[in-house]
Amino acid sequence: MRGHRNHPLWFAFLLHRLSGLGLALFLPAHFWMLSMVLTDPEGFDGFARWTDHPLVKFAEFGLVFLLAVHLFGGLRLLALEFLPWPARHKTLAAASIAGAFLVSGAFFLNAV
């Protein structure tokens, strides 16, 4: 690996990019389930019962974490583009991941 790929901000970029790809893979399944509400309500009721399993609740935590990481990482990138360049970018990247854990952890505790 090249030297710049060991930098913490490169890992923040990579996490933002991978979370965006993971969310893009999730969206077709999400829209399919939304359409199922309109076209097959009984099938959706079965799916809704399936989502009560603990493993699915944990997967929901992962999904909310991806959403939060993507949101906070995007806010960090917007700040990079439009605000003056501070010397504390590593701290901002770590704060964005901490904020994502806070949001997704609160969701997980509420879901359980």
Protein backbone atom coordinates (compact mmCIF):
# COMPACT_ATOMS: atom_id res chain seq x y z
CA MET A 1 0.00 0.00 0.00
CA ARG A 2 1.11 3.50 -0.68
CA GLY A 3 1.89 5.81 2.23
CA HIS A 4 -1.21 7.97 1.87
CA ARG A 5 -3.43 4.92 2.30
CA ASN A 6 -2.26 4.57 5.88
CA HIS A 7 -3.60 8.01 6.75
CA PRO A 8 -6.71 8.09 9.01
CA LEU A 9 -8.53 10.45 6.65
CA TRP A 10 -8.12 7.95 3.82
CA PHE A 11 -9.81 5.37 6.04
CA ALA A 12 -12.61 7.89 6.67
CA PHE A 13 -13.01 8.30 2.91
CA LEU A 14 -13.04 4.54 2.43
CA LEU A 15 -15.65 4.04 5.16
CA HIS A 16 -17.84 6.74 3.59
CA ARG A 17 -17.51 5.13 0.15
CA LEU A 18 -18.18 1.57 1.37
CA SER A 19 -21.17 2.66 3.44
CA GLY A 20 -22.60 4.36 0.35
CA LEU A 21 -22.15 1.18 -1.68
CA GLY A 22 -23.77 -0.90 1.07
CA LEU A 23 -26.73 1.44 1.20
CA ALA A 24 -27.03 1.36 -2.60
CA LEU A 25 -27.23 -2.44 -2.43
CA PHE A 26 -29.89 -2.24 0.28
CA LEU A 27 -32.19 0.23 -1.50
CA PRO A 28 -33.70 -2.21 -4.08
CA ALA A 29 -34.73 -4.59 -1.27
CA HIS A 30 -36.16 -1.65 0.67
CA PHE A 31 -38.25 -0.47 -2.28
CA TRP A 32 -39.38 -4.04 -2.95
CA MET A 33 -40.65 -4.32 0.63
CA LEU A 34 -42.40 -0.95 0.33
CA SER A 35 -44.14 -2.12 -2.84
CA MET A 36 -45.13 -5.33 -1.07
CA VAL A 37 -47.21 -3.25 1.36
CA LEU A 38 -49.35 -2.15 -1.58
CA THR A 39 -49.42 -5.34 -3.64
CA ASP A 40 -49.23 -8.20 -1.10
CA PRO A 41 -50.17 -7.09 2.44
CA GLU A 42 -50.31 -10.68 3.76
CA GLY A 43 -46.79 -11.37 2.53
CA PHE A 44 -45.60 -8.17 4.12
CA ASP A 45 -47.18 -9.19 7.44
CA GLY A 46 -45.10 -12.37 7.34
CA PHE A 47 -42.00 -10.32 6.65
CA ALA A 48 -42.84 -7.96 9.50
CA ARG A 49 -43.04 -10.92 11.89
CA TRP A 50 -39.65 -12.12 10.64
CA THR A 51 -38.08 -8.78 11.56
CA ASP A 52 -38.75 -9.43 15.26
CA HIS A 53 -35.86 -11.94 15.42
CA PRO A 54 -32.78 -10.76 17.36
CA LEU A 55 -30.42 -11.35 14.43
CA VAL A 56 -32.54 -9.11 12.22
CA LYS A 57 -32.55 -6.44 14.94
CA PHE A 58 -28.76 -6.59 14.97
CA ALA A 59 -28.70 -6.29 11.16
CA GLU A 60 -30.93 -3.22 11.49
CA PHE A 61 -28.31 -1.78 13.84
CA GLY A 62 -25.73 -2.35 11.11
CA LEU A 63 -27.93 -0.63 8.56
CA VAL A 64 -28.51 2.38 10.79
CA PHE A 65 -24.76 2.49 11.46
CA LEU A 66 -24.12 2.57 7.70
CA LEU A 67 -26.64 5.38 7.33
CA ALA A 68 -25.10 7.36 10.18
CA VAL A 69 -21.53 6.81 8.95
CA HIS A 70 -22.52 7.93 5.48
CA LEU A 71 -24.34 11.00 6.83
CA PHE A 72 -21.59 12.12 9.20
CA GLY A 73 -18.87 11.30 6.68
CA GLY A 74 -20.70 13.34 4.07
CA LEU A 75 -21.01 16.25 6.47
CA ARG A 76 -17.28 16.01 7.11
CA LEU A 77 -16.62 16.09 3.36
CA LEU A 78 -18.89 19.08 2.93
CA ALA A 79 -17.00 20.85 5.69
CA LEU A 80 -13.77 19.98 3.88
CA GLU A 81 -15.06 21.58 0.69
CA PHE A 82 -16.67 24.72 2.02
CA LEU A 83 -14.92 25.63 5.27
CA PRO A 84 -11.32 26.69 5.89
CA TRP A 85 -8.84 23.83 6.25
CA PRO A 86 -8.38 23.10 9.97
CA ALA A 87 -5.52 21.06 11.33
CA ARG A 88 -7.90 18.81 13.27
CA HIS A 89 -9.35 16.77 10.40
CA LYS A 90 -8.40 13.49 12.09
CA THR A 91 -10.41 14.57 15.12
CA LEU A 92 -13.39 15.45 12.93
CA ALA A 93 -13.20 12.06 11.21
CA ALA A 94 -13.09 10.27 14.57
CA ALA A 95 -15.99 12.42 15.81
CA SER A 96 -18.08 11.49 12.78
CA ILE A 97 -17.58 7.78 13.49
CA ALA A 98 -18.33 8.33 17.18
CA GLY A 99 -21.52 10.17 16.23
CA ALA A 100 -22.50 7.29 13.97
CA PHE A 101 -22.02 4.82 16.82
CA LEU A 102 -24.08 7.05 19.10
CA VAL A 103 -26.98 7.28 16.66
CA SER A 104 -26.97 3.60 15.71
CA GLY A 105 -26.50 2.49 19.33
CA ALA A 106 -29.48 4.58 20.42
CA PHE A 107 -31.53 2.98 17.63
CA PHE A 108 -30.38 -0.49 18.67
CA LEU A 109 -31.27 0.08 22.33
CA ASN A 110 -34.67 1.37 21.28
CA ALA A 111 -35.24 -1.62 18.95
CA VAL A 112 -34.37 -4.25 21.57
